[in-house]
Amino acid sequence: MHRFLQTTAWSFLLDQKIASLPVDPFRIATQNGWKIYTYEAFAAVVGKSVAELIARYEKDGFAFCAKGDDTFVICYNSALPFSTCRWTLLHEIAHIHLGHINPQTPIISRVRTEYRSLLEQEAQGFARRVLCPSIVLHHCKAHEPDQIMRLCGVSRDAANYRSKYLKKLETRGMFGVHPLERKVEAQFAPFVRRYLLREAKIRSCNFWRRSIA
């Protein structure tokens, strides 16, 4: 699963022409023609309450393939922290991109329970690799959770998880090995240069402020 998710995430970053962080799941959905609703907006469309949507589906969000035109629809709970909303949207985008949701299986809740957990693991792994690409974090020298939170717009739990994984990769020197990863590296190179320059300016300003104080 690891290798499959990694290469699929790299291909997705390349195909969607994502070249900066934080990744914008709203833009991804829009450019692919997928519809996005907040729970409040979707509840109004279907004549239900937000509480009913949460009880029937999930607290964070869900996605489905609409009948008739095979359009994908993503709904998310905007009452949750924005970092959670972004993760939820990418998680649901993962279900779409990985083929978990399709005209034959229009919504995850209809998948057999024993198989559903595997699909959720795949969606989480894909979202993590797209929102926090390790090759980009490596070049940005963003190894600590606080840095990853700020750079990728994810929650502390997600940043902690990614930080531990990234530090393992750093000890092994496992970067730029796969051809797809090198393409992602090149695609993000202008962003990395801008980020490092901005960080250097911030450090310089902080140094002079401390010197003057």
N, C-alpha and C. Protein backbone atom coordinates (compact mmCIF):
# COMPACT_ATOMS: atom_id res chain seq x y z
N MET A 1 0.82 -1.21 0.00
CA MET A 1 0.00 0.00 0.00
C MET A 1 0.86 1.26 0.00
N HIS A 2 1.95 1.24 0.77
CA HIS A 2 2.81 2.42 0.90
C HIS A 2 3.32 2.89 -0.46
N ARG A 3 3.89 1.97 -1.23
CA ARG A 3 4.46 2.34 -2.53
C ARG A 3 3.37 2.84 -3.48
N PHE A 4 2.23 2.16 -3.48
CA PHE A 4 1.12 2.57 -4.34
C PHE A 4 0.65 3.99 -4.00
N LEU A 5 0.45 4.25 -2.70
CA LEU A 5 -0.03 5.57 -2.30
C LEU A 5 1.00 6.65 -2.60
N GLN A 6 2.28 6.33 -2.41
CA GLN A 6 3.31 7.33 -2.65
C GLN A 6 3.38 7.72 -4.12
N THR A 7 3.42 6.73 -5.01
CA THR A 7 3.50 7.05 -6.43
C THR A 7 2.22 7.70 -6.93
N THR A 8 1.08 7.30 -6.39
CA THR A 8 -0.20 7.91 -6.78
C THR A 8 -0.26 9.36 -6.33
N ALA A 9 0.24 9.65 -5.12
CA ALA A 9 0.24 11.03 -4.63
C ALA A 9 1.18 11.89 -5.45
N TRP A 10 2.36 11.39 -5.80
CA TRP A 10 3.28 12.16 -6.65
C TRP A 10 2.63 12.46 -8.00
N SER A 11 2.02 11.44 -8.60
CA SER A 11 1.36 11.64 -9.89
C SER A 11 0.24 12.67 -9.79
N PHE A 12 -0.49 12.63 -8.68
CA PHE A 12 -1.58 13.58 -8.47
C PHE A 12 -1.05 15.00 -8.38
N LEU A 13 0.01 15.21 -7.62
CA LEU A 13 0.62 16.54 -7.49
C LEU A 13 1.06 17.05 -8.86
N LEU A 14 1.62 16.18 -9.66
CA LEU A 14 2.08 16.57 -10.99
C LEU A 14 0.91 16.85 -11.93
N ASP A 15 -0.07 15.96 -11.96
CA ASP A 15 -1.20 16.10 -12.88
C ASP A 15 -2.04 17.33 -12.55
N GLN A 16 -2.18 17.63 -11.25
CA GLN A 16 -2.98 18.78 -10.83
C GLN A 16 -2.18 20.08 -10.85
N LYS A 17 -0.89 19.96 -11.24
CA LYS A 17 0.00 21.14 -11.34
C LYS A 17 0.08 21.90 -10.01
N ILE A 18 0.16 21.14 -8.93
CA ILE A 18 0.30 21.73 -7.60
C ILE A 18 1.78 22.04 -7.39
N ALA A 19 2.09 23.29 -7.12
CA ALA A 19 3.50 23.71 -7.06
C ALA A 19 3.81 24.58 -5.85
N SER A 20 2.91 24.63 -4.88
CA SER A 20 3.16 25.43 -3.69
C SER A 20 2.37 24.86 -2.51
N LEU A 21 2.77 25.25 -1.33
CA LEU A 21 2.08 24.87 -0.10
C LEU A 21 1.55 26.14 0.57
N PRO A 22 0.43 26.05 1.30
CA PRO A 22 -0.39 24.86 1.50
C PRO A 22 -1.21 24.49 0.26
N VAL A 23 -1.42 23.21 0.06
CA VAL A 23 -2.25 22.72 -1.04
C VAL A 23 -3.69 23.19 -0.83
N ASP A 24 -4.32 23.61 -1.91
CA ASP A 24 -5.69 24.15 -1.85
C ASP A 24 -6.70 23.12 -2.36
N PRO A 25 -7.36 22.37 -1.48
CA PRO A 25 -8.32 21.36 -1.93
C PRO A 25 -9.54 21.96 -2.61
N PHE A 26 -9.88 23.20 -2.27
CA PHE A 26 -11.02 23.85 -2.93
C PHE A 26 -10.71 24.05 -4.42
N ARG A 27 -9.49 24.49 -4.72
CA ARG A 27 -9.10 24.69 -6.12
C ARG A 27 -9.08 23.36 -6.87
N ILE A 28 -8.58 22.32 -6.22
CA ILE A 28 -8.51 21.00 -6.86
C ILE A 28 -9.92 20.54 -7.25
N ALA A 29 -10.85 20.65 -6.31
CA ALA A 29 -12.22 20.22 -6.59
C ALA A 29 -12.82 21.04 -7.72
N THR A 30 -12.62 22.34 -7.68
CA THR A 30 -13.21 23.22 -8.69
C THR A 30 -12.67 22.92 -10.08
N GLN A 31 -11.36 22.74 -10.20
CA GLN A 31 -10.77 22.52 -11.52
C GLN A 31 -11.11 21.15 -12.09
N ASN A 32 -11.57 20.24 -11.23
CA ASN A 32 -11.99 18.93 -11.70
C ASN A 32 -13.50 18.82 -11.88
N GLY A 33 -14.20 19.93 -11.62
CA GLY A 33 -15.65 19.92 -11.81
C GLY A 33 -16.41 19.24 -10.71
N TRP A 34 -15.79 19.07 -9.54
CA TRP A 34 -16.46 18.44 -8.41
C TRP A 34 -17.14 19.52 -7.57
N LYS A 35 -18.33 19.25 -7.10
CA LYS A 35 -19.09 20.24 -6.34
C LYS A 35 -18.76 20.12 -4.85
N ILE A 36 -18.70 21.27 -4.18
CA ILE A 36 -18.44 21.30 -2.75
C ILE A 36 -19.58 22.03 -2.05
N TYR A 37 -20.07 21.43 -0.97
CA TYR A 37 -21.09 22.06 -0.13
C TYR A 37 -20.65 22.01 1.33
N THR A 38 -20.94 23.06 2.07
CA THR A 38 -20.85 22.95 3.52
C THR A 38 -22.04 22.10 3.98
N TYR A 39 -21.96 21.59 5.19
CA TYR A 39 -23.09 20.82 5.71
C TYR A 39 -24.36 21.68 5.75
N GLU A 40 -24.20 22.95 6.12
CA GLU A 40 -25.36 23.83 6.20
C GLU A 40 -26.02 23.99 4.84
N ALA A 41 -25.19 24.21 3.80
CA ALA A 41 -25.73 24.41 2.46
C ALA A 41 -26.37 23.13 1.93
N PHE A 42 -25.72 21.99 2.15
CA PHE A 42 -26.27 20.74 1.63
C PHE A 42 -27.53 20.34 2.39
N ALA A 43 -27.56 20.60 3.69
CA ALA A 43 -28.75 20.30 4.48
C ALA A 43 -29.95 21.07 3.95
N ALA A 44 -29.72 22.31 3.53
CA ALA A 44 -30.81 23.11 2.98
C ALA A 44 -31.28 22.55 1.65
N VAL A 45 -30.35 22.03 0.85
CA VAL A 45 -30.71 21.47 -0.47
C VAL A 45 -31.56 20.21 -0.32
N VAL A 46 -31.21 19.35 0.62
CA VAL A 46 -31.90 18.06 0.75
C VAL A 46 -33.01 18.07 1.80
N GLY A 47 -33.21 19.22 2.43
CA GLY A 47 -34.27 19.32 3.42
C GLY A 47 -34.01 18.56 4.70
N LYS A 48 -32.75 18.49 5.11
CA LYS A 48 -32.38 17.82 6.36
C LYS A 48 -31.69 18.83 7.27
N SER A 49 -31.44 18.42 8.50
CA SER A 49 -30.68 19.25 9.42
C SER A 49 -29.22 18.81 9.40
N VAL A 50 -28.34 19.67 9.86
CA VAL A 50 -26.92 19.31 9.96
C VAL A 50 -26.75 18.11 10.88
N ALA A 51 -27.50 18.08 11.96
CA ALA A 51 -27.42 16.96 12.90
C ALA A 51 -27.79 15.64 12.22
N GLU A 52 -28.77 15.69 11.32
CA GLU A 52 -29.17 14.47 10.60
C GLU A 52 -28.06 14.01 9.66
N LEU A 53 -27.39 14.97 9.01
CA LEU A 53 -26.28 14.61 8.12
C LEU A 53 -25.15 13.95 8.90
N ILE A 54 -24.83 14.53 10.06
CA ILE A 54 -23.76 13.98 10.89
C ILE A 54 -24.12 12.58 11.36
N ALA A 55 -25.37 12.38 11.77
CA ALA A 55 -25.81 11.08 12.25
C ALA A 55 -25.80 10.03 11.14
N ARG A 56 -26.15 10.43 9.94
CA ARG A 56 -26.24 9.47 8.83
C ARG A 56 -24.90 9.21 8.17
N TYR A 57 -24.06 10.23 8.10
CA TYR A 57 -22.77 10.08 7.41
C TYR A 57 -21.62 10.18 8.40
N GLU A 58 -20.91 11.30 8.39
CA GLU A 58 -19.75 11.48 9.28
C GLU A 58 -19.79 12.86 9.90
N LYS A 59 -19.04 13.03 11.00
CA LYS A 59 -18.97 14.33 11.65
C LYS A 59 -18.21 15.34 10.78
N ASP A 60 -17.15 14.86 10.10
CA ASP A 60 -16.27 15.77 9.35
C ASP A 60 -16.76 16.05 7.94
N GLY A 61 -17.15 15.01 7.22
CA GLY A 61 -17.56 15.20 5.83
C GLY A 61 -17.79 13.87 5.12
N PHE A 62 -18.26 13.96 3.90
CA PHE A 62 -18.47 12.76 3.08
C PHE A 62 -18.54 13.19 1.62
N ALA A 63 -18.46 12.22 0.74
CA ALA A 63 -18.55 12.48 -0.70
C ALA A 63 -19.41 11.40 -1.33
N PHE A 64 -19.98 11.73 -2.47
CA PHE A 64 -20.78 10.74 -3.20
C PHE A 64 -20.80 11.06 -4.68
N CYS A 65 -21.16 10.06 -5.45
CA CYS A 65 -21.31 10.22 -6.90
C CYS A 65 -22.80 10.37 -7.19
N ALA A 66 -23.18 11.55 -7.70
CA ALA A 66 -24.59 11.85 -7.94
C ALA A 66 -25.12 11.01 -9.10
N LYS A 67 -26.34 10.54 -8.95
CA LYS A 67 -26.97 9.74 -10.00
C LYS A 67 -27.28 10.61 -11.22
N GLY A 68 -27.29 10.00 -12.37
CA GLY A 68 -27.68 10.71 -13.59
C GLY A 68 -26.50 11.26 -14.35
N ASP A 69 -25.77 12.23 -13.74
CA ASP A 69 -24.66 12.84 -14.47
C ASP A 69 -23.29 12.40 -13.96
N ASP A 70 -23.26 11.46 -13.01
CA ASP A 70 -22.00 10.94 -12.45
C ASP A 70 -21.10 12.06 -11.91
N THR A 71 -21.70 13.10 -11.38
CA THR A 71 -20.95 14.20 -10.78
C THR A 71 -20.57 13.86 -9.35
N PHE A 72 -19.35 14.18 -8.97
CA PHE A 72 -18.91 13.95 -7.60
C PHE A 72 -19.23 15.17 -6.75
N VAL A 73 -19.76 14.90 -5.56
CA VAL A 73 -20.14 15.95 -4.63
C VAL A 73 -19.43 15.71 -3.30
N ILE A 74 -18.83 16.76 -2.76
CA ILE A 74 -18.14 16.68 -1.48
C ILE A 74 -18.83 17.62 -0.50
N CYS A 75 -19.15 17.10 0.67
CA CYS A 75 -19.77 17.90 1.73
C CYS A 75 -18.86 17.88 2.95
N TYR A 76 -18.73 19.03 3.60
CA TYR A 76 -17.85 19.09 4.77
C TYR A 76 -18.46 19.96 5.85
N ASN A 77 -18.06 19.71 7.07
CA ASN A 77 -18.58 20.41 8.24
C ASN A 77 -17.75 21.65 8.50
N SER A 78 -18.21 22.80 8.06
CA SER A 78 -17.45 24.05 8.17
C SER A 78 -17.38 24.57 9.60
N ALA A 79 -18.11 23.93 10.54
CA ALA A 79 -18.04 24.34 11.94
C ALA A 79 -16.75 23.86 12.61
N LEU A 80 -16.04 22.95 11.97
CA LEU A 80 -14.80 22.43 12.51
C LEU A 80 -13.63 23.35 12.15
N PRO A 81 -12.49 23.24 12.83
CA PRO A 81 -11.33 24.08 12.50
C PRO A 81 -10.97 23.98 11.02
N PHE A 82 -10.45 25.08 10.46
CA PHE A 82 -10.18 25.12 9.03
C PHE A 82 -9.17 24.05 8.60
N SER A 83 -8.18 23.77 9.47
CA SER A 83 -7.21 22.74 9.14
C SER A 83 -7.90 21.38 9.00
N THR A 84 -8.89 21.13 9.84
CA THR A 84 -9.67 19.89 9.76
C THR A 84 -10.49 19.86 8.48
N CYS A 85 -11.08 20.99 8.11
CA CYS A 85 -11.87 21.06 6.88
C CYS A 85 -11.00 20.77 5.66
N ARG A 86 -9.80 21.33 5.62
CA ARG A 86 -8.90 21.10 4.49
C ARG A 86 -8.53 19.62 4.40
N TRP A 87 -8.23 19.04 5.55
CA TRP A 87 -7.87 17.61 5.55
C TRP A 87 -9.06 16.77 5.09
N THR A 88 -10.25 17.10 5.59
CA THR A 88 -11.45 16.36 5.21
C THR A 88 -11.68 16.43 3.71
N LEU A 89 -11.55 17.61 3.13
CA LEU A 89 -11.74 17.76 1.69
C LEU A 89 -10.74 16.92 0.91
N LEU A 90 -9.47 16.93 1.33
CA LEU A 90 -8.47 16.13 0.62
C LEU A 90 -8.73 14.64 0.82
N HIS A 91 -9.20 14.26 1.99
CA HIS A 91 -9.56 12.87 2.26
C HIS A 91 -10.68 12.41 1.31
N GLU A 92 -11.68 13.25 1.13
CA GLU A 92 -12.78 12.89 0.23
C GLU A 92 -12.33 12.92 -1.23
N ILE A 93 -11.46 13.86 -1.57
CA ILE A 93 -10.87 13.88 -2.92
C ILE A 93 -10.11 12.58 -3.16
N ALA A 94 -9.44 12.07 -2.12
CA ALA A 94 -8.73 10.79 -2.24
C ALA A 94 -9.69 9.66 -2.58
N HIS A 95 -10.84 9.62 -1.92
CA HIS A 95 -11.82 8.57 -2.22
C HIS A 95 -12.23 8.63 -3.69
N ILE A 96 -12.38 9.85 -4.21
CA ILE A 96 -12.75 10.01 -5.62
C ILE A 96 -11.61 9.58 -6.53
N HIS A 97 -10.42 10.13 -6.27
CA HIS A 97 -9.28 9.88 -7.16
C HIS A 97 -8.86 8.41 -7.15
N LEU A 98 -8.95 7.77 -6.00
CA LEU A 98 -8.54 6.36 -5.89
C LEU A 98 -9.61 5.39 -6.38
N GLY A 99 -10.75 5.93 -6.79
CA GLY A 99 -11.80 5.08 -7.35
C GLY A 99 -12.66 4.40 -6.31
N HIS A 100 -12.54 4.82 -5.05
CA HIS A 100 -13.38 4.22 -4.00
C HIS A 100 -14.85 4.56 -4.22
N ILE A 101 -15.07 5.78 -4.75
CA ILE A 101 -16.43 6.24 -5.06
C ILE A 101 -16.56 6.28 -6.58
N ASN A 102 -17.60 5.70 -7.10
CA ASN A 102 -17.81 5.65 -8.55
C ASN A 102 -19.30 5.38 -8.80
N PRO A 103 -19.75 5.42 -10.06
CA PRO A 103 -21.18 5.19 -10.31
C PRO A 103 -21.71 3.87 -9.76
N GLN A 104 -20.85 2.85 -9.70
CA GLN A 104 -21.28 1.55 -9.16
C GLN A 104 -21.28 1.54 -7.62
N THR A 105 -20.38 2.32 -7.03
CA THR A 105 -20.32 2.46 -5.56
C THR A 105 -20.38 3.95 -5.26
N PRO A 106 -21.58 4.53 -5.25
CA PRO A 106 -21.71 5.99 -5.17
C PRO A 106 -21.32 6.62 -3.85
N ILE A 107 -21.20 5.82 -2.77
CA ILE A 107 -20.84 6.39 -1.47
C ILE A 107 -20.20 5.31 -0.61
N ILE A 108 -19.21 5.72 0.20
CA ILE A 108 -18.44 4.77 0.99
C ILE A 108 -19.31 4.00 1.97
N SER A 109 -20.35 4.62 2.48
CA SER A 109 -21.19 3.96 3.48
C SER A 109 -21.85 2.70 2.95
N ARG A 110 -21.86 2.53 1.63
CA ARG A 110 -22.46 1.33 1.05
C ARG A 110 -21.44 0.20 0.85
N VAL A 111 -20.18 0.47 1.18
CA VAL A 111 -19.15 -0.55 1.07
C VAL A 111 -19.21 -1.45 2.29
N ARG A 112 -18.90 -2.72 2.11
CA ARG A 112 -18.90 -3.66 3.23
C ARG A 112 -17.98 -3.17 4.35
N THR A 113 -18.41 -3.31 5.58
CA THR A 113 -17.68 -2.78 6.73
C THR A 113 -16.24 -3.26 6.79
N GLU A 114 -16.01 -4.55 6.52
CA GLU A 114 -14.66 -5.11 6.63
C GLU A 114 -13.72 -4.55 5.56
N TYR A 115 -14.27 -4.06 4.46
CA TYR A 115 -13.46 -3.49 3.38
C TYR A 115 -13.32 -1.97 3.55
N ARG A 116 -14.27 -1.37 4.24
CA ARG A 116 -14.30 0.09 4.36
C ARG A 116 -13.09 0.63 5.10
N SER A 117 -12.63 -0.08 6.12
CA SER A 117 -11.48 0.41 6.89
C SER A 117 -10.23 0.52 6.03
N LEU A 118 -10.06 -0.40 5.07
CA LEU A 118 -8.93 -0.34 4.16
C LEU A 118 -9.02 0.90 3.28
N LEU A 119 -10.22 1.20 2.79
CA LEU A 119 -10.41 2.39 1.96
C LEU A 119 -10.13 3.66 2.75
N GLU A 120 -10.52 3.68 4.02
CA GLU A 120 -10.26 4.85 4.85
C GLU A 120 -8.76 5.02 5.10
N GLN A 121 -8.06 3.92 5.31
CA GLN A 121 -6.60 4.00 5.47
C GLN A 121 -5.94 4.54 4.21
N GLU A 122 -6.39 4.08 3.05
CA GLU A 122 -5.82 4.56 1.80
C GLU A 122 -6.07 6.05 1.62
N ALA A 123 -7.29 6.49 1.93
CA ALA A 123 -7.63 7.91 1.77
C ALA A 123 -6.79 8.77 2.72
N GLN A 124 -6.60 8.31 3.96
CA GLN A 124 -5.78 9.06 4.91
C GLN A 124 -4.33 9.14 4.43
N GLY A 125 -3.80 8.02 3.96
CA GLY A 125 -2.42 8.00 3.48
C GLY A 125 -2.22 8.89 2.28
N PHE A 126 -3.18 8.89 1.37
CA PHE A 126 -3.09 9.75 0.18
C PHE A 126 -3.16 11.21 0.58
N ALA A 127 -4.10 11.57 1.45
CA ALA A 127 -4.25 12.96 1.90
C ALA A 127 -2.97 13.45 2.57
N ARG A 128 -2.38 12.63 3.39
CA ARG A 128 -1.15 13.00 4.11
C ARG A 128 -0.02 13.28 3.13
N ARG A 129 0.12 12.46 2.11
CA ARG A 129 1.22 12.61 1.16
C ARG A 129 1.02 13.79 0.21
N VAL A 130 -0.23 14.14 -0.06
CA VAL A 130 -0.51 15.29 -0.93
C VAL A 130 -0.39 16.61 -0.16
N LEU A 131 -0.96 16.64 1.04
CA LEU A 131 -0.92 17.87 1.83
C LEU A 131 0.46 18.16 2.40
N CYS A 132 1.23 17.12 2.68
CA CYS A 132 2.55 17.28 3.31
C CYS A 132 3.60 16.47 2.54
N PRO A 133 3.89 16.82 1.29
CA PRO A 133 4.85 16.04 0.50
C PRO A 133 6.24 16.07 1.13
N SER A 134 6.79 14.91 1.42
CA SER A 134 8.05 14.83 2.17
C SER A 134 9.21 15.48 1.43
N ILE A 135 9.27 15.37 0.11
CA ILE A 135 10.39 15.95 -0.64
C ILE A 135 10.38 17.47 -0.52
N VAL A 136 9.21 18.07 -0.46
CA VAL A 136 9.10 19.52 -0.33
C VAL A 136 9.46 19.95 1.09
N LEU A 137 8.97 19.24 2.08
CA LEU A 137 9.31 19.55 3.47
C LEU A 137 10.81 19.41 3.69
N HIS A 138 11.41 18.42 3.08
CA HIS A 138 12.85 18.20 3.19
C HIS A 138 13.62 19.41 2.69
N HIS A 139 13.28 19.89 1.51
CA HIS A 139 14.01 21.02 0.94
C HIS A 139 13.70 22.34 1.66
N CYS A 140 12.52 22.42 2.25
CA CYS A 140 12.16 23.62 3.03
C CYS A 140 12.74 23.56 4.44
N LYS A 141 13.42 22.44 4.76
CA LYS A 141 13.98 22.23 6.09
C LYS A 141 12.91 22.35 7.18
N ALA A 142 11.72 21.89 6.85
CA ALA A 142 10.58 21.92 7.78
C ALA A 142 10.40 20.54 8.38
N HIS A 143 11.11 20.29 9.47
CA HIS A 143 11.09 18.97 10.08
C HIS A 143 10.24 18.91 11.34
N GLU A 144 10.04 20.05 11.98
CA GLU A 144 9.34 20.09 13.26
C GLU A 144 7.84 20.30 13.06
N PRO A 145 7.02 19.80 14.00
CA PRO A 145 5.56 19.92 13.86
C PRO A 145 5.07 21.35 13.65
N ASP A 146 5.63 22.31 14.39
CA ASP A 146 5.18 23.70 14.24
C ASP A 146 5.44 24.21 12.83
N GLN A 147 6.58 23.85 12.27
CA GLN A 147 6.91 24.26 10.90
C GLN A 147 5.94 23.63 9.90
N ILE A 148 5.66 22.36 10.10
CA ILE A 148 4.77 21.64 9.17
C ILE A 148 3.35 22.18 9.27
N MET A 149 2.89 22.47 10.49
CA MET A 149 1.56 23.06 10.66
C MET A 149 1.43 24.36 9.87
N ARG A 150 2.44 25.23 10.01
CA ARG A 150 2.40 26.54 9.37
C ARG A 150 2.53 26.42 7.85
N LEU A 151 3.39 25.54 7.40
CA LEU A 151 3.66 25.42 5.97
C LEU A 151 2.55 24.69 5.23
N CYS A 152 1.98 23.67 5.85
CA CYS A 152 1.02 22.80 5.17
C CYS A 152 -0.43 23.06 5.57
N GLY A 153 -0.65 23.83 6.64
CA GLY A 153 -2.02 24.12 7.07
C GLY A 153 -2.76 22.91 7.60
N VAL A 154 -2.05 22.06 8.35
CA VAL A 154 -2.67 20.87 8.90
C VAL A 154 -2.72 20.97 10.43
N SER A 155 -3.43 20.05 11.05
CA SER A 155 -3.57 20.05 12.50
C SER A 155 -2.26 19.62 13.16
N ARG A 156 -2.17 19.84 14.48
CA ARG A 156 -0.96 19.43 15.20
C ARG A 156 -0.78 17.92 15.17
N ASP A 157 -1.86 17.17 15.30
CA ASP A 157 -1.76 15.71 15.26
C ASP A 157 -1.18 15.25 13.93
N ALA A 158 -1.68 15.83 12.83
CA ALA A 158 -1.19 15.46 11.51
C ALA A 158 0.27 15.87 11.35
N ALA A 159 0.62 17.05 11.86
CA ALA A 159 1.99 17.54 11.77
C ALA A 159 2.94 16.69 12.59
N ASN A 160 2.51 16.26 13.77
CA ASN A 160 3.34 15.39 14.60
C ASN A 160 3.64 14.08 13.88
N TYR A 161 2.60 13.51 13.28
CA TYR A 161 2.74 12.23 12.57
C TYR A 161 3.71 12.38 11.40
N ARG A 162 3.55 13.45 10.65
CA ARG A 162 4.41 13.66 9.48
C ARG A 162 5.84 13.97 9.89
N SER A 163 6.00 14.70 10.99
CA SER A 163 7.33 15.04 11.47
C SER A 163 8.12 13.79 11.83
N LYS A 164 7.50 12.85 12.52
CA LYS A 164 8.17 11.61 12.90
C LYS A 164 8.61 10.82 11.67
N TYR A 165 7.72 10.77 10.67
CA TYR A 165 8.04 10.04 9.44
C TYR A 165 9.17 10.72 8.68
N LEU A 166 9.10 12.05 8.62
CA LEU A 166 10.11 12.80 7.88
C LEU A 166 11.49 12.64 8.50
N LYS A 167 11.55 12.63 9.82
CA LYS A 167 12.85 12.48 10.49
C LYS A 167 13.44 11.09 10.23
N LYS A 168 12.60 10.08 10.09
CA LYS A 168 13.10 8.76 9.72
C LYS A 168 13.70 8.78 8.33
N LEU A 169 13.03 9.46 7.41
CA LEU A 169 13.55 9.57 6.05
C LEU A 169 14.87 10.32 6.03
N GLU A 170 14.98 11.36 6.87
CA GLU A 170 16.20 12.15 6.92
C GLU A 170 17.39 11.29 7.35
N THR A 171 17.20 10.41 8.31
CA THR A 171 18.30 9.57 8.76
C THR A 171 18.73 8.57 7.68
N ARG A 172 17.79 8.21 6.82
CA ARG A 172 18.11 7.25 5.75
C ARG A 172 18.56 7.94 4.46
N GLY A 173 18.34 9.26 4.37
CA GLY A 173 18.68 9.98 3.15
C GLY A 173 17.82 9.55 1.97
N MET A 174 16.57 9.18 2.24
CA MET A 174 15.70 8.63 1.20
C MET A 174 14.89 9.73 0.50
N PHE A 175 15.58 10.54 -0.28
CA PHE A 175 14.90 11.61 -1.01
C PHE A 175 15.38 11.63 -2.47
N GLY A 176 14.45 11.94 -3.36
CA GLY A 176 14.81 12.07 -4.77
C GLY A 176 15.23 10.78 -5.43
N VAL A 177 14.77 9.65 -4.90
CA VAL A 177 15.16 8.35 -5.44
C VAL A 177 14.29 7.97 -6.63
N HIS A 178 12.98 8.18 -6.50
CA HIS A 178 12.04 7.78 -7.55
C HIS A 178 11.92 8.90 -8.61
N PRO A 179 11.81 8.54 -9.89
CA PRO A 179 11.68 9.56 -10.95
C PRO A 179 10.50 10.51 -10.74
N LEU A 180 9.38 9.99 -10.25
CA LEU A 180 8.22 10.86 -10.01
C LEU A 180 8.51 11.86 -8.90
N GLU A 181 9.23 11.41 -7.87
CA GLU A 181 9.57 12.33 -6.78
C GLU A 181 10.48 13.44 -7.28
N ARG A 182 11.39 13.11 -8.19
CA ARG A 182 12.28 14.14 -8.73
C ARG A 182 11.50 15.15 -9.56
N LYS A 183 10.44 14.70 -10.22
CA LYS A 183 9.60 15.63 -10.98
C LYS A 183 8.83 16.55 -10.04
N VAL A 184 8.33 15.99 -8.93
CA VAL A 184 7.66 16.82 -7.92
C VAL A 184 8.65 17.83 -7.35
N GLU A 185 9.86 17.38 -7.10
CA GLU A 185 10.92 18.25 -6.59
C GLU A 185 11.14 19.43 -7.52
N ALA A 186 11.21 19.16 -8.82
CA ALA A 186 11.42 20.23 -9.80
C ALA A 186 10.21 21.16 -9.88
N GLN A 187 9.01 20.60 -9.78
CA GLN A 187 7.79 21.40 -9.87
C GLN A 187 7.68 22.38 -8.70
N PHE A 188 8.14 21.98 -7.53
CA PHE A 188 8.07 22.81 -6.34
C PHE A 188 9.30 23.69 -6.14
N ALA A 189 10.32 23.54 -6.97
CA ALA A 189 11.59 24.23 -6.76
C ALA A 189 11.44 25.75 -6.63
N PRO A 190 10.67 26.43 -7.50
CA PRO A 190 10.51 27.89 -7.33
C PRO A 190 9.89 28.26 -5.99
N PHE A 191 8.89 27.48 -5.56
CA PHE A 191 8.26 27.74 -4.27
C PHE A 191 9.27 27.56 -3.14
N VAL A 192 10.07 26.50 -3.19
CA VAL A 192 11.05 26.23 -2.14
C VAL A 192 12.05 27.39 -2.05
N ARG A 193 12.50 27.89 -3.20
CA ARG A 193 13.45 29.02 -3.18
C ARG A 193 12.83 30.24 -2.52
N ARG A 194 11.58 30.54 -2.88
CA ARG A 194 10.91 31.70 -2.28
C ARG A 194 10.74 31.51 -0.77
N TYR A 195 10.36 30.31 -0.38
CA TYR A 195 10.14 30.03 1.03
C TYR A 195 11.42 30.19 1.83
N LEU A 196 12.52 29.60 1.35
CA LEU A 196 13.78 29.69 2.07
C LEU A 196 14.28 31.12 2.15
N LEU A 197 14.09 31.89 1.09
CA LEU A 197 14.49 33.30 1.10
C LEU A 197 13.68 34.08 2.13
N ARG A 198 12.38 33.83 2.18
CA ARG A 198 11.52 34.51 3.14
C ARG A 198 11.90 34.14 4.57
N GLU A 199 12.18 32.86 4.80
CA GLU A 199 12.58 32.42 6.14
C GLU A 199 13.91 33.04 6.55
N ALA A 200 14.84 33.17 5.59
CA ALA A 200 16.13 33.77 5.89
C ALA A 200 15.97 35.25 6.26
N LYS A 201 15.07 35.95 5.57
CA LYS A 201 14.82 37.35 5.90
C LYS A 201 14.21 37.49 7.29
N ILE A 202 13.28 36.59 7.62
CA ILE A 202 12.66 36.63 8.95
C ILE A 202 13.70 36.40 10.04
N ARG A 203 14.58 35.42 9.82
CA ARG A 203 15.63 35.14 10.82
C ARG A 203 16.56 36.32 10.96
N SER A 204 16.88 36.96 9.84
CA SER A 204 17.77 38.12 9.88
C SER A 204 17.14 39.28 10.65
N CYS A 205 15.87 39.53 10.38
CA CYS A 205 15.16 40.61 11.09
C CYS A 205 15.09 40.33 12.58
N ASN A 206 14.82 39.07 12.95
CA ASN A 206 14.75 38.71 14.35
C ASN A 206 16.10 38.87 15.05
N PHE A 207 17.15 38.55 14.32
CA PHE A 207 18.51 38.68 14.87
C PHE A 207 18.82 40.13 15.18
N TRP A 208 18.51 41.03 14.24
CA TRP A 208 18.82 42.45 14.44
C TRP A 208 17.92 43.05 15.53
N ARG A 209 16.71 42.57 15.63
CA ARG A 209 15.83 43.07 16.71
C ARG A 209 16.39 42.68 18.08
N ARG A 210 16.88 41.45 18.18
CA ARG A 210 17.47 41.01 19.46
C ARG A 210 18.75 41.76 19.76
N SER A 211 19.50 42.09 18.71
CA SER A 211 20.76 42.80 18.91
C SER A 211 20.53 44.22 19.40
N ILE A 212 19.48 44.86 18.89
CA ILE A 212 19.18 46.24 19.25
C ILE A 212 18.56 46.33 20.63
N ALA A 213 17.74 45.32 20.96
CA ALA A 213 16.99 45.35 22.25
C ALA A 213 17.93 45.35 23.45
